[in-house]
């Protein structure tokens, strides 16, 4: 059994027990959340494709932790113009565990 779920503008293929990192969710750790944007559902050897979402289907997940990813360096440079800019960025993320798919 698996589902394709839309979380934070991205699509993830999930199964019960999977741990994935998604864009930061503003909920405390340990809370259970429900995603209703299920785009595709494979259950009992039957495929359901949503138009755009599958009706009456949900994915329940538990928030495990919040964190920051590794720093990405953004460096801009133009030769012979004395122009260079160096920036860093750390993306915030939330690790969730899929509990069940209905």
Protein backbone atom coordinates (compact mmCIF):
# COMPACT_ATOMS: atom_id res chain seq x y z
CA UNK A 1 0.00 0.00 0.00
CA UNK A 2 1.29 3.45 -0.88
CA UNK A 3 0.03 6.93 -1.70
CA UNK A 4 1.28 10.04 -3.44
CA UNK A 5 0.65 13.05 -1.21
CA UNK A 6 1.05 16.78 -1.83
CA UNK A 7 2.82 18.44 1.13
CA UNK A 8 4.05 22.02 0.95
CA UNK A 9 3.84 22.24 -2.84
CA UNK A 10 5.81 19.03 -3.43
CA UNK A 11 4.71 15.46 -4.05
CA UNK A 12 5.91 12.52 -1.95
CA UNK A 13 5.37 8.78 -2.38
CA UNK A 14 4.70 7.40 1.12
CA UNK A 15 3.90 4.08 2.77
CA UNK A 16 2.99 3.34 6.40
CA UNK A 17 6.14 3.50 8.52
CA UNK A 18 8.10 5.79 6.16
CA UNK A 19 10.11 8.67 7.63
CA UNK A 20 10.48 11.65 5.30
CA UNK A 21 11.76 15.22 5.51
CA UNK A 22 9.34 17.89 4.30
CA UNK A 23 9.27 21.69 4.37
CA UNK A 24 8.79 23.09 7.88
CA UNK A 25 5.36 22.51 9.41
CA UNK A 26 4.32 24.93 12.16
CA UNK A 27 3.14 22.32 14.68
CA UNK A 28 4.89 21.06 17.85
CA UNK A 29 6.81 17.78 17.92
CA UNK A 30 4.81 14.68 18.80
CA UNK A 31 1.55 15.94 17.29
CA UNK A 32 -0.36 13.90 14.70
CA UNK A 33 -1.33 15.68 11.49
CA UNK A 34 -3.62 14.69 8.62
CA UNK A 35 -2.90 15.33 4.93
CA UNK A 36 -6.01 15.34 2.72
CA UNK A 37 -4.29 16.12 -0.60
CA UNK A 38 -3.87 12.50 -1.74
CA UNK A 39 -3.19 12.45 -5.48
CA UNK A 40 -2.85 8.70 -6.01
CA UNK A 41 -3.70 5.66 -3.88
CA UNK A 42 -2.60 2.03 -4.33
CA UNK A 43 -4.43 -0.27 -1.90
CA UNK A 44 -5.43 -3.95 -2.16
CA UNK A 45 -4.07 -4.14 -5.73
CA UNK A 46 -6.42 -1.37 -6.80
CA UNK A 47 -5.20 1.95 -8.16
CA UNK A 48 -7.17 5.15 -7.57
CA UNK A 49 -6.06 8.28 -9.38
CA UNK A 50 -7.47 11.59 -8.19
CA UNK A 51 -8.89 14.34 -10.35
CA UNK A 52 -7.04 16.23 -8.81
CA UNK A 53 -7.38 14.50 -5.39
CA UNK A 54 -8.79 11.14 -4.30
CA UNK A 55 -12.06 11.69 -2.44
CA UNK A 56 -12.37 10.54 1.18
CA UNK A 57 -8.74 9.55 1.57
CA UNK A 58 -6.27 10.75 4.20
CA UNK A 59 -2.70 10.19 5.28
CA UNK A 60 -1.98 10.45 9.01
CA UNK A 61 1.55 11.29 10.10
CA UNK A 62 3.37 12.07 13.34
CA UNK A 63 5.86 14.93 13.66
CA UNK A 64 9.18 13.58 14.93
CA UNK A 65 11.50 16.60 14.90
CA UNK A 66 12.30 19.98 13.39
CA UNK A 67 15.73 20.96 12.08
CA UNK A 68 17.91 22.81 9.60
CA UNK A 69 19.62 21.30 6.59
CA UNK A 70 23.28 21.81 5.72
CA UNK A 71 24.37 25.26 4.61
CA UNK A 72 24.25 25.98 0.87
CA UNK A 73 26.65 28.62 -0.43
CA UNK A 74 25.43 31.14 -3.02
CA UNK A 75 28.32 32.91 -4.73
CA UNK A 76 27.84 35.56 -7.42
CA UNK A 77 30.80 36.90 -9.35
CA UNK A 78 31.32 39.17 -12.34
CA UNK A 79 34.85 39.28 -13.73
CA UNK A 80 36.69 42.60 -14.12
CA UNK A 81 33.94 44.51 -12.28
CA UNK A 82 34.99 43.96 -8.63
CA UNK A 83 31.60 42.44 -7.96
CA UNK A 84 31.26 39.39 -5.76
CA UNK A 85 28.63 38.39 -3.22
CA UNK A 86 28.73 35.38 -0.94
CA UNK A 87 25.60 34.25 0.90
CA UNK A 88 24.59 31.16 2.82
CA UNK A 89 21.20 29.51 3.28
CA UNK A 90 19.93 26.77 5.61
CA UNK A 91 16.51 25.35 4.77
CA UNK A 92 14.18 24.54 7.68
CA UNK A 93 12.60 21.07 7.58
CA UNK A 94 10.36 18.76 9.59
CA UNK A 95 10.82 15.00 9.85
CA UNK A 96 7.53 13.11 9.85
CA UNK A 97 6.61 9.43 10.12
CA UNK A 98 3.60 8.11 8.21
CA UNK A 99 1.28 6.29 10.60
CA UNK A 100 -1.58 5.15 8.38
CA UNK A 101 -3.26 5.63 5.03
CA UNK A 102 -7.07 5.61 4.82
